[in-house]
């Protein structure tokens, strides 16, 4: 079981997420997951399921993919996470990608994409608390930027 990254930004991010359009959230979730993707790719360079899930989230937000296609990509990324179970940072990065794609189905998945991305970054860092705080700060500022709420 994952011990998810927490920071003092969590409530601020959750409040902002509740005010954003689902397509903005899908783009944001994909951006968050993409930042964590190297944590997966370093250990599983030939498995592109998380990368395809991130692309699916963006394609759905652009109107180029139906929700069912994004949902299928989400399931595949979560399968990749199960395959990476022994490497926490890789597992969390794949879960982040899966939740990014699942945002096409339910907007609330965006928040999980961000939390898993921060968890992957934390698990890959030498200074876990600092890495979590920096990542969550970036996530908040990036969502403010995307949503035009700054």
C-alpha atoms as a PDB file:
ATOM      1  CA  UNK A   1       0.000   0.000   0.000  1.00  0.00           C
ATOM      2  CA  UNK A   2       1.193   3.477  -0.885  1.00  0.00           C
ATOM      3  CA  UNK A   3       1.854   6.065   1.779  1.00  0.00           C
ATOM      4  CA  UNK A   4       0.819   9.142  -0.168  1.00  0.00           C
ATOM      5  CA  UNK A   5       2.721  12.400  -0.072  1.00  0.00           C
ATOM      6  CA  UNK A   6       1.111  15.123   1.992  1.00  0.00           C
ATOM      7  CA  UNK A   7       1.981  18.788   2.293  1.00  0.00           C
ATOM      8  CA  UNK A   8       0.512  22.024   3.540  1.00  0.00           C
ATOM      9  CA  UNK A   9      -0.620  22.754  -0.055  1.00  0.00           C
ATOM     10  CA  UNK A  10      -3.094  19.868  -0.171  1.00  0.00           C
ATOM     11  CA  UNK A  11      -6.185  21.812   0.914  1.00  0.00           C
ATOM     12  CA  UNK A  12      -5.377  24.781  -1.329  1.00  0.00           C
ATOM     13  CA  UNK A  13      -5.014  22.450  -4.302  1.00  0.00           C
ATOM     14  CA  UNK A  14      -8.228  20.591  -3.452  1.00  0.00           C
ATOM     15  CA  UNK A  15     -10.134  23.882  -3.173  1.00  0.00           C
ATOM     16  CA  UNK A  16      -8.858  25.048  -6.548  1.00  0.00           C
ATOM     17  CA  UNK A  17      -9.584  21.679  -8.181  1.00  0.00           C
ATOM     18  CA  UNK A  18     -13.219  21.971  -7.072  1.00  0.00           C
ATOM     19  CA  UNK A  19     -13.534  25.207  -9.063  1.00  0.00           C
ATOM     20  CA  UNK A  20     -11.994  24.014 -12.344  1.00  0.00           C
ATOM     21  CA  UNK A  21     -13.424  22.666 -15.568  1.00  0.00           C
ATOM     22  CA  UNK A  22     -12.890  18.934 -16.187  1.00  0.00           C
ATOM     23  CA  UNK A  23     -10.830  19.513 -19.351  1.00  0.00           C
ATOM     24  CA  UNK A  24      -8.513  21.922 -17.528  1.00  0.00           C
ATOM     25  CA  UNK A  25      -8.166  19.297 -14.814  1.00  0.00           C
ATOM     26  CA  UNK A  26      -7.278  16.620 -17.374  1.00  0.00           C
ATOM     27  CA  UNK A  27      -4.527  18.819 -18.829  1.00  0.00           C
ATOM     28  CA  UNK A  28      -3.241  19.641 -15.344  1.00  0.00           C
ATOM     29  CA  UNK A  29      -3.336  15.988 -14.279  1.00  0.00           C
ATOM     30  CA  UNK A  30      -1.432  15.014 -17.427  1.00  0.00           C
ATOM     31  CA  UNK A  31       1.165  17.722 -16.750  1.00  0.00           C
ATOM     32  CA  UNK A  32       1.579  16.529 -13.148  1.00  0.00           C
ATOM     33  CA  UNK A  33       1.890  12.893 -14.251  1.00  0.00           C
ATOM     34  CA  UNK A  34       4.384  13.793 -16.966  1.00  0.00           C
ATOM     35  CA  UNK A  35       6.700  15.373 -14.394  1.00  0.00           C
ATOM     36  CA  UNK A  36       6.726  12.068 -12.486  1.00  0.00           C
ATOM     37  CA  UNK A  37       6.962   9.840 -15.567  1.00  0.00           C
ATOM     38  CA  UNK A  38      10.799   9.577 -15.490  1.00  0.00           C
ATOM     39  CA  UNK A  39      10.427   7.752 -12.149  1.00  0.00           C
ATOM     40  CA  UNK A  40       8.645   4.976 -14.048  1.00  0.00           C
ATOM     41  CA  UNK A  41      10.594   5.106 -17.318  1.00  0.00           C
ATOM     42  CA  UNK A  42      13.950   4.815 -15.564  1.00  0.00           C
ATOM     43  CA  UNK A  43      12.994   1.404 -14.192  1.00  0.00           C
ATOM     44  CA  UNK A  44      10.677   0.255 -17.020  1.00  0.00           C
ATOM     45  CA  UNK A  45      12.003   1.847 -20.226  1.00  0.00           C
ATOM     46  CA  UNK A  46      10.098  -0.480 -22.554  1.00  0.00           C
ATOM     47  CA  UNK A  47       6.664  -0.079 -20.968  1.00  0.00           C
ATOM     48  CA  UNK A  48       4.861   2.873 -22.510  1.00  0.00           C
ATOM     49  CA  UNK A  49       1.454   2.370 -20.868  1.00  0.00           C
ATOM     50  CA  UNK A  50       1.806   5.327 -18.467  1.00  0.00           C
ATOM     51  CA  UNK A  51       3.046   7.569 -21.279  1.00  0.00           C
ATOM     52  CA  UNK A  52       0.078   6.514 -23.431  1.00  0.00           C
ATOM     53  CA  UNK A  53      -2.291   7.274 -20.538  1.00  0.00           C
ATOM     54  CA  UNK A  54      -0.895  10.799 -20.261  1.00  0.00           C
ATOM     55  CA  UNK A  55      -1.337  11.245 -24.013  1.00  0.00           C
ATOM     56  CA  UNK A  56      -4.902   9.912 -23.709  1.00  0.00           C
ATOM     57  CA  UNK A  57      -5.749  12.498 -21.041  1.00  0.00           C
ATOM     58  CA  UNK A  58      -4.526  15.266 -23.325  1.00  0.00           C
ATOM     59  CA  UNK A  59      -6.276  13.810 -26.372  1.00  0.00           C
ATOM     60  CA  UNK A  60      -9.549  13.633 -24.458  1.00  0.00           C
ATOM     61  CA  UNK A  61      -9.178  17.247 -23.293  1.00  0.00           C
ATOM     62  CA  UNK A  62      -8.562  18.257 -26.931  1.00  0.00           C
ATOM     63  CA  UNK A  63     -11.680  16.414 -28.094  1.00  0.00           C
ATOM     64  CA  UNK A  64      -9.621  13.885 -30.072  1.00  0.00           C
ATOM     65  CA  UNK A  65     -10.430  10.832 -27.947  1.00  0.00           C
ATOM     66  CA  UNK A  66     -13.663   9.576 -26.448  1.00  0.00           C
ATOM     67  CA  UNK A  67     -13.885   9.022 -22.716  1.00  0.00           C
ATOM     68  CA  UNK A  68     -13.926   5.234 -23.142  1.00  0.00           C
ATOM     69  CA  UNK A  69     -10.524   5.372 -24.887  1.00  0.00           C
ATOM     70  CA  UNK A  70      -9.041   7.429 -22.065  1.00  0.00           C
ATOM     71  CA  UNK A  71     -10.553   5.061 -19.516  1.00  0.00           C
ATOM     72  CA  UNK A  72      -8.976   2.081 -21.289  1.00  0.00           C
ATOM     73  CA  UNK A  73      -5.583   3.838 -21.186  1.00  0.00           C
ATOM     74  CA  UNK A  74      -6.106   4.498 -17.463  1.00  0.00           C
ATOM     75  CA  UNK A  75      -6.666   0.798 -16.780  1.00  0.00           C
ATOM     76  CA  UNK A  76      -3.501  -0.050 -18.734  1.00  0.00           C
ATOM     77  CA  UNK A  77      -1.425   2.445 -16.716  1.00  0.00           C
ATOM     78  CA  UNK A  78      -2.750   0.978 -13.473  1.00  0.00           C
ATOM     79  CA  UNK A  79      -1.742  -2.480 -14.721  1.00  0.00           C
ATOM     80  CA  UNK A  80       1.748  -1.067 -15.307  1.00  0.00           C
ATOM     81  CA  UNK A  81       1.706   0.204 -11.717  1.00  0.00           C
ATOM     82  CA  UNK A  82       0.901  -3.271 -10.454  1.00  0.00           C
ATOM     83  CA  UNK A  83       3.859  -4.604 -12.482  1.00  0.00           C
ATOM     84  CA  UNK A  84       6.088  -1.989 -10.818  1.00  0.00           C
ATOM     85  CA  UNK A  85       4.898  -2.818  -7.308  1.00  0.00           C
ATOM     86  CA  UNK A  86       8.392  -3.362  -5.868  1.00  0.00           C
ATOM     87  CA  UNK A  87       9.590   0.126  -6.858  1.00  0.00           C
ATOM     88  CA  UNK A  88       7.482   2.743  -5.039  1.00  0.00           C
ATOM     89  CA  UNK A  89       8.442   5.759  -7.190  1.00  0.00           C
ATOM     90  CA  UNK A  90       7.768   3.858 -10.428  1.00  0.00           C
ATOM     91  CA  UNK A  91       4.487   2.485  -9.108  1.00  0.00           C
ATOM     92  CA  UNK A  92       3.271   5.929  -8.031  1.00  0.00           C
ATOM     93  CA  UNK A  93       4.279   7.497 -11.346  1.00  0.00           C
ATOM     94  CA  UNK A  94       2.259   4.900 -13.249  1.00  0.00           C
ATOM     95  CA  UNK A  95      -0.715   5.420 -10.919  1.00  0.00           C
ATOM     96  CA  UNK A  96      -0.465   9.156 -11.521  1.00  0.00           C
ATOM     97  CA  UNK A  97      -0.674   8.580 -15.269  1.00  0.00           C
ATOM     98  CA  UNK A  98      -3.629   6.250 -14.807  1.00  0.00           C
ATOM     99  CA  UNK A  99      -5.515   8.828 -12.771  1.00  0.00           C
ATOM    100  CA  UNK A 100      -4.682  11.537 -15.320  1.00  0.00           C
ATOM    101  CA  UNK A 101      -6.384   9.501 -18.048  1.00  0.00           C
ATOM    102  CA  UNK A 102      -9.264   8.608 -15.705  1.00  0.00           C
ATOM    103  CA  UNK A 103      -9.990  12.314 -15.286  1.00  0.00           C
ATOM    104  CA  UNK A 104     -11.874  12.009 -18.584  1.00  0.00           C
ATOM    105  CA  UNK A 105     -14.322   9.727 -16.769  1.00  0.00           C
ATOM    106  CA  UNK A 106     -14.503  11.491 -13.380  1.00  0.00           C
ATOM    107  CA  UNK A 107     -12.957  14.906 -12.738  1.00  0.00           C
ATOM    108  CA  UNK A 108     -11.941  13.925  -9.201  1.00  0.00           C
ATOM    109  CA  UNK A 109      -9.233  11.651 -10.546  1.00  0.00           C
ATOM    110  CA  UNK A 110      -7.147  14.747 -11.305  1.00  0.00           C
ATOM    111  CA  UNK A 111      -6.458  15.253  -7.625  1.00  0.00           C
ATOM    112  CA  UNK A 112      -5.231  11.657  -7.335  1.00  0.00           C
ATOM    113  CA  UNK A 113      -2.995  12.132 -10.368  1.00  0.00           C
ATOM    114  CA  UNK A 114      -1.332  15.059  -8.608  1.00  0.00           C
ATOM    115  CA  UNK A 115      -0.972  13.280  -5.276  1.00  0.00           C
ATOM    116  CA  UNK A 116       0.541  10.188  -6.883  1.00  0.00           C
ATOM    117  CA  UNK A 117       2.895  12.389  -8.919  1.00  0.00           C
ATOM    118  CA  UNK A 118       4.074  14.099  -5.735  1.00  0.00           C
ATOM    119  CA  UNK A 119       4.435  10.686  -4.096  1.00  0.00           C
ATOM    120  CA  UNK A 120       6.591   9.439  -6.982  1.00  0.00           C
ATOM    121  CA  UNK A 121       8.796  12.529  -6.785  1.00  0.00           C
ATOM    122  CA  UNK A 122       9.068  12.155  -3.020  1.00  0.00           C
ATOM    123  CA  UNK A 123       9.989   8.469  -3.252  1.00  0.00           C
ATOM    124  CA  UNK A 124      12.655   9.187  -5.864  1.00  0.00           C
ATOM    125  CA  UNK A 125      14.198  12.134  -3.970  1.00  0.00           C
ATOM    126  CA  UNK A 126      16.956  12.191  -1.420  1.00  0.00           C
ATOM    127  CA  UNK A 127      15.119  14.868   0.562  1.00  0.00           C
ATOM    128  CA  UNK A 128      11.542  13.600   0.611  1.00  0.00           C
ATOM    129  CA  UNK A 129       9.830  16.441   2.503  1.00  0.00           C
ATOM    130  CA  UNK A 130      11.467  19.142   0.401  1.00  0.00           C
ATOM    131  CA  UNK A 131      10.623  17.309  -2.825  1.00  0.00           C
ATOM    132  CA  UNK A 132       6.975  16.932  -1.824  1.00  0.00           C
ATOM    133  CA  UNK A 133       6.644  20.594  -0.882  1.00  0.00           C
ATOM    134  CA  UNK A 134       8.275  21.771  -4.111  1.00  0.00           C
ATOM    135  CA  UNK A 135       6.133  19.493  -6.264  1.00  0.00           C
ATOM    136  CA  UNK A 136       2.854  20.442  -4.576  1.00  0.00           C
ATOM    137  CA  UNK A 137       3.775  24.143  -4.844  1.00  0.00           C
ATOM    138  CA  UNK A 138       4.398  23.713  -8.587  1.00  0.00           C
ATOM    139  CA  UNK A 139       1.107  21.827  -8.977  1.00  0.00           C
ATOM    140  CA  UNK A 140      -0.886  24.580  -7.282  1.00  0.00           C
ATOM    141  CA  UNK A 141       0.742  27.385  -9.285  1.00  0.00           C
ATOM    142  CA  UNK A 142       0.355  25.458 -12.540  1.00  0.00           C
ATOM    143  CA  UNK A 143      -3.363  24.828 -11.931  1.00  0.00           C
ATOM    144  CA  UNK A 144      -3.849  28.509 -11.092  1.00  0.00           C
ATOM    145  CA  UNK A 145      -2.168  29.355 -14.392  1.00  0.00           C
ATOM    146  CA  UNK A 146      -4.226  26.886 -16.444  1.00  0.00           C
ATOM    147  CA  UNK A 147      -7.512  27.879 -14.844  1.00  0.00           C
ATOM    148  CA  UNK A 148      -6.957  31.614 -15.148  1.00  0.00           C
ATOM    149  CA  UNK A 149      -7.765  31.983 -11.448  1.00  0.00           C
ATOM    150  CA  UNK A 150      -4.581  33.789 -10.425  1.00  0.00           C
END
